[in-house]
Amino acid sequence: MEQLLITIAQGLVENPESVKVDTDEPNENGVIVYHLHVAESDMGRIIGKQGRIAKAIRTIARSTAVRSNTKVMVEID
């Protein structure tokens, strides 16, 4: 999942070497939180107009997690 998020984000930003993903341990509800870090200048490219790109990234992550019966949440930092 981390590699998927990195690949998607690197394709969208101007500074691909600054893309990082941190993972939290599952919480009490079994949700794994992924923190996507990008350069400050690339935040607009990751979020998109009215958050459309961010929603699409979260949708892809959730649909990938369904295959392995896990719950995920993506936060963009």
N, C-alpha and C. Protein backbone atom coordinates (compact mmCIF):
# COMPACT_ATOMS: atom_id res chain seq x y z
N MET A 1 0.83 -1.19 0.00
CA MET A 1 0.00 0.00 0.00
C MET A 1 0.87 1.26 0.00
N GLU A 2 1.95 1.23 0.80
CA GLU A 2 2.83 2.40 0.83
C GLU A 2 3.41 2.69 -0.55
N GLN A 3 3.85 1.65 -1.22
CA GLN A 3 4.45 1.84 -2.55
C GLN A 3 3.42 2.36 -3.54
N LEU A 4 2.19 1.91 -3.44
CA LEU A 4 1.12 2.41 -4.30
C LEU A 4 0.93 3.91 -4.11
N LEU A 5 0.85 4.35 -2.87
CA LEU A 5 0.67 5.77 -2.59
C LEU A 5 1.86 6.59 -3.07
N ILE A 6 3.07 6.07 -2.89
CA ILE A 6 4.26 6.78 -3.35
C ILE A 6 4.26 6.91 -4.87
N THR A 7 3.91 5.85 -5.55
CA THR A 7 3.89 5.87 -7.02
C THR A 7 2.87 6.86 -7.55
N ILE A 8 1.69 6.87 -6.96
CA ILE A 8 0.65 7.81 -7.40
C ILE A 8 1.11 9.25 -7.16
N ALA A 9 1.61 9.52 -5.96
CA ALA A 9 2.00 10.89 -5.61
C ALA A 9 3.18 11.38 -6.44
N GLN A 10 4.15 10.50 -6.70
CA GLN A 10 5.31 10.93 -7.48
C GLN A 10 4.93 11.29 -8.91
N GLY A 11 3.88 10.70 -9.42
CA GLY A 11 3.42 11.04 -10.76
C GLY A 11 2.71 12.38 -10.82
N LEU A 12 2.30 12.89 -9.68
CA LEU A 12 1.55 14.14 -9.66
C LEU A 12 2.38 15.37 -9.30
N VAL A 13 3.46 15.19 -8.59
CA VAL A 13 4.20 16.34 -8.05
C VAL A 13 5.40 16.73 -8.92
N GLU A 14 5.90 17.94 -8.68
CA GLU A 14 7.09 18.40 -9.39
C GLU A 14 8.37 17.97 -8.69
N ASN A 15 8.26 17.63 -7.41
CA ASN A 15 9.42 17.28 -6.60
C ASN A 15 9.23 15.85 -6.06
N PRO A 16 9.38 14.82 -6.93
CA PRO A 16 9.05 13.45 -6.52
C PRO A 16 9.95 12.88 -5.43
N GLU A 17 11.15 13.40 -5.25
CA GLU A 17 12.02 12.84 -4.21
C GLU A 17 11.59 13.24 -2.81
N SER A 18 10.68 14.19 -2.69
CA SER A 18 10.21 14.62 -1.37
C SER A 18 8.99 13.83 -0.89
N VAL A 19 8.49 12.91 -1.69
CA VAL A 19 7.31 12.13 -1.33
C VAL A 19 7.70 11.04 -0.34
N LYS A 20 6.99 10.99 0.80
CA LYS A 20 7.21 9.96 1.81
C LYS A 20 5.86 9.50 2.34
N VAL A 21 5.81 8.26 2.80
CA VAL A 21 4.60 7.73 3.42
C VAL A 21 4.98 7.11 4.75
N ASP A 22 4.30 7.53 5.82
CA ASP A 22 4.47 6.95 7.15
C ASP A 22 3.21 6.16 7.48
N THR A 23 3.38 5.10 8.22
CA THR A 23 2.25 4.23 8.56
C THR A 23 2.10 4.15 10.07
N ASP A 24 0.87 4.31 10.55
CA ASP A 24 0.57 4.11 11.96
C ASP A 24 0.11 2.67 12.17
N GLU A 25 0.24 2.21 13.39
CA GLU A 25 -0.28 0.90 13.75
C GLU A 25 -1.81 0.94 13.71
N PRO A 26 -2.46 -0.19 13.48
CA PRO A 26 -3.93 -0.20 13.47
C PRO A 26 -4.49 0.29 14.81
N ASN A 27 -5.53 1.11 14.75
CA ASN A 27 -6.14 1.61 15.97
C ASN A 27 -7.14 0.59 16.51
N GLU A 28 -7.92 0.97 17.51
CA GLU A 28 -8.85 0.03 18.14
C GLU A 28 -9.93 -0.47 17.19
N ASN A 29 -10.21 0.28 16.12
CA ASN A 29 -11.18 -0.15 15.12
C ASN A 29 -10.55 -0.94 13.99
N GLY A 30 -9.24 -1.14 14.03
CA GLY A 30 -8.54 -1.88 12.99
C GLY A 30 -8.19 -1.06 11.76
N VAL A 31 -8.24 0.27 11.87
CA VAL A 31 -7.95 1.15 10.74
C VAL A 31 -6.47 1.51 10.74
N ILE A 32 -5.82 1.30 9.61
CA ILE A 32 -4.42 1.67 9.44
C ILE A 32 -4.38 3.05 8.78
N VAL A 33 -3.66 3.99 9.40
CA VAL A 33 -3.58 5.35 8.89
C VAL A 33 -2.26 5.53 8.16
N TYR A 34 -2.33 5.98 6.91
CA TYR A 34 -1.16 6.29 6.11
C TYR A 34 -1.05 7.80 6.00
N HIS A 35 0.13 8.34 6.32
CA HIS A 35 0.39 9.77 6.24
C HIS A 35 1.24 10.03 5.01
N LEU A 36 0.68 10.74 4.04
CA LEU A 36 1.38 11.07 2.80
C LEU A 36 2.01 12.44 2.96
N HIS A 37 3.35 12.51 2.86
CA HIS A 37 4.08 13.76 3.00
C HIS A 37 4.63 14.17 1.64
N VAL A 38 4.37 15.43 1.25
CA VAL A 38 4.91 15.99 0.02
C VAL A 38 5.48 17.38 0.34
N ALA A 39 6.21 17.93 -0.61
CA ALA A 39 6.77 19.27 -0.43
C ALA A 39 5.63 20.29 -0.33
N GLU A 40 5.88 21.35 0.39
CA GLU A 40 4.87 22.40 0.58
C GLU A 40 4.39 22.97 -0.76
N SER A 41 5.29 23.09 -1.71
CA SER A 41 4.93 23.65 -3.00
C SER A 41 4.07 22.70 -3.84
N ASP A 42 4.04 21.41 -3.49
CA ASP A 42 3.26 20.42 -4.24
C ASP A 42 1.92 20.08 -3.60
N MET A 43 1.59 20.72 -2.48
CA MET A 43 0.34 20.38 -1.79
C MET A 43 -0.88 20.61 -2.68
N GLY A 44 -0.89 21.67 -3.45
CA GLY A 44 -2.02 21.95 -4.32
C GLY A 44 -2.20 20.90 -5.40
N ARG A 45 -1.11 20.34 -5.87
CA ARG A 45 -1.19 19.30 -6.89
C ARG A 45 -1.76 18.01 -6.32
N ILE A 46 -1.46 17.69 -5.07
CA ILE A 46 -1.96 16.47 -4.45
C ILE A 46 -3.43 16.64 -4.03
N ILE A 47 -3.79 17.80 -3.55
CA ILE A 47 -5.17 18.01 -3.11
C ILE A 47 -6.09 18.23 -4.30
N GLY A 48 -5.68 19.02 -5.27
CA GLY A 48 -6.49 19.27 -6.45
C GLY A 48 -7.61 20.25 -6.20
N LYS A 49 -8.30 20.61 -7.27
CA LYS A 49 -9.42 21.55 -7.15
C LYS A 49 -10.55 20.88 -6.37
N GLN A 50 -10.98 21.57 -5.33
CA GLN A 50 -12.04 21.11 -4.45
C GLN A 50 -11.76 19.72 -3.88
N GLY A 51 -10.48 19.35 -3.77
CA GLY A 51 -10.10 18.08 -3.16
C GLY A 51 -10.35 16.85 -4.00
N ARG A 52 -10.53 17.02 -5.29
CA ARG A 52 -10.88 15.88 -6.15
C ARG A 52 -9.76 14.85 -6.25
N ILE A 53 -8.52 15.30 -6.37
CA ILE A 53 -7.41 14.36 -6.49
C ILE A 53 -7.21 13.64 -5.16
N ALA A 54 -7.31 14.35 -4.04
CA ALA A 54 -7.18 13.72 -2.73
C ALA A 54 -8.27 12.66 -2.53
N LYS A 55 -9.50 12.96 -2.95
CA LYS A 55 -10.58 11.98 -2.84
C LYS A 55 -10.29 10.76 -3.70
N ALA A 56 -9.74 10.97 -4.89
CA ALA A 56 -9.42 9.86 -5.79
C ALA A 56 -8.32 8.98 -5.19
N ILE A 57 -7.31 9.59 -4.59
CA ILE A 57 -6.24 8.82 -3.95
C ILE A 57 -6.81 7.99 -2.81
N ARG A 58 -7.67 8.58 -2.00
CA ARG A 58 -8.28 7.85 -0.88
C ARG A 58 -9.18 6.71 -1.38
N THR A 59 -9.88 6.94 -2.48
CA THR A 59 -10.74 5.89 -3.04
C THR A 59 -9.91 4.71 -3.54
N ILE A 60 -8.81 4.99 -4.21
CA ILE A 60 -7.93 3.92 -4.69
C ILE A 60 -7.37 3.14 -3.51
N ALA A 61 -6.95 3.84 -2.46
CA ALA A 61 -6.39 3.16 -1.29
C ALA A 61 -7.43 2.27 -0.62
N ARG A 62 -8.66 2.77 -0.47
CA ARG A 62 -9.71 1.96 0.15
C ARG A 62 -10.06 0.74 -0.69
N SER A 63 -10.13 0.92 -2.01
CA SER A 63 -10.49 -0.22 -2.87
C SER A 63 -9.38 -1.26 -2.88
N THR A 64 -8.13 -0.84 -2.76
CA THR A 64 -7.03 -1.79 -2.67
C THR A 64 -7.06 -2.52 -1.33
N ALA A 65 -7.41 -1.82 -0.27
CA ALA A 65 -7.47 -2.44 1.06
C ALA A 65 -8.59 -3.45 1.17
N VAL A 66 -9.66 -3.27 0.44
CA VAL A 66 -10.79 -4.20 0.50
C VAL A 66 -10.36 -5.60 0.06
N ARG A 67 -9.44 -5.66 -0.87
CA ARG A 67 -8.96 -6.96 -1.35
C ARG A 67 -8.29 -7.77 -0.25
N SER A 68 -7.64 -7.07 0.70
CA SER A 68 -6.96 -7.78 1.78
C SER A 68 -7.72 -7.72 3.09
N ASN A 69 -9.01 -7.32 3.03
CA ASN A 69 -9.89 -7.23 4.21
C ASN A 69 -9.32 -6.36 5.31
N THR A 70 -8.78 -5.21 4.95
CA THR A 70 -8.28 -4.24 5.92
C THR A 70 -8.98 -2.91 5.71
N LYS A 71 -8.88 -2.07 6.71
CA LYS A 71 -9.44 -0.72 6.63
C LYS A 71 -8.29 0.26 6.65
N VAL A 72 -8.33 1.23 5.75
CA VAL A 72 -7.25 2.22 5.69
C VAL A 72 -7.82 3.63 5.65
N MET A 73 -6.98 4.57 6.02
CA MET A 73 -7.31 5.99 5.93
C MET A 73 -6.04 6.70 5.46
N VAL A 74 -6.17 7.62 4.52
CA VAL A 74 -5.01 8.36 4.01
C VAL A 74 -5.14 9.82 4.45
N GLU A 75 -4.10 10.29 5.12
CA GLU A 75 -4.02 11.70 5.52
C GLU A 75 -2.90 12.35 4.74
N ILE A 76 -3.14 13.53 4.21
CA ILE A 76 -2.14 14.24 3.45
C ILE A 76 -1.55 15.33 4.35
N ASP A 77 -0.25 15.20 4.61
CA ASP A 77 0.43 16.15 5.51
C ASP A 77 1.38 17.02 4.71
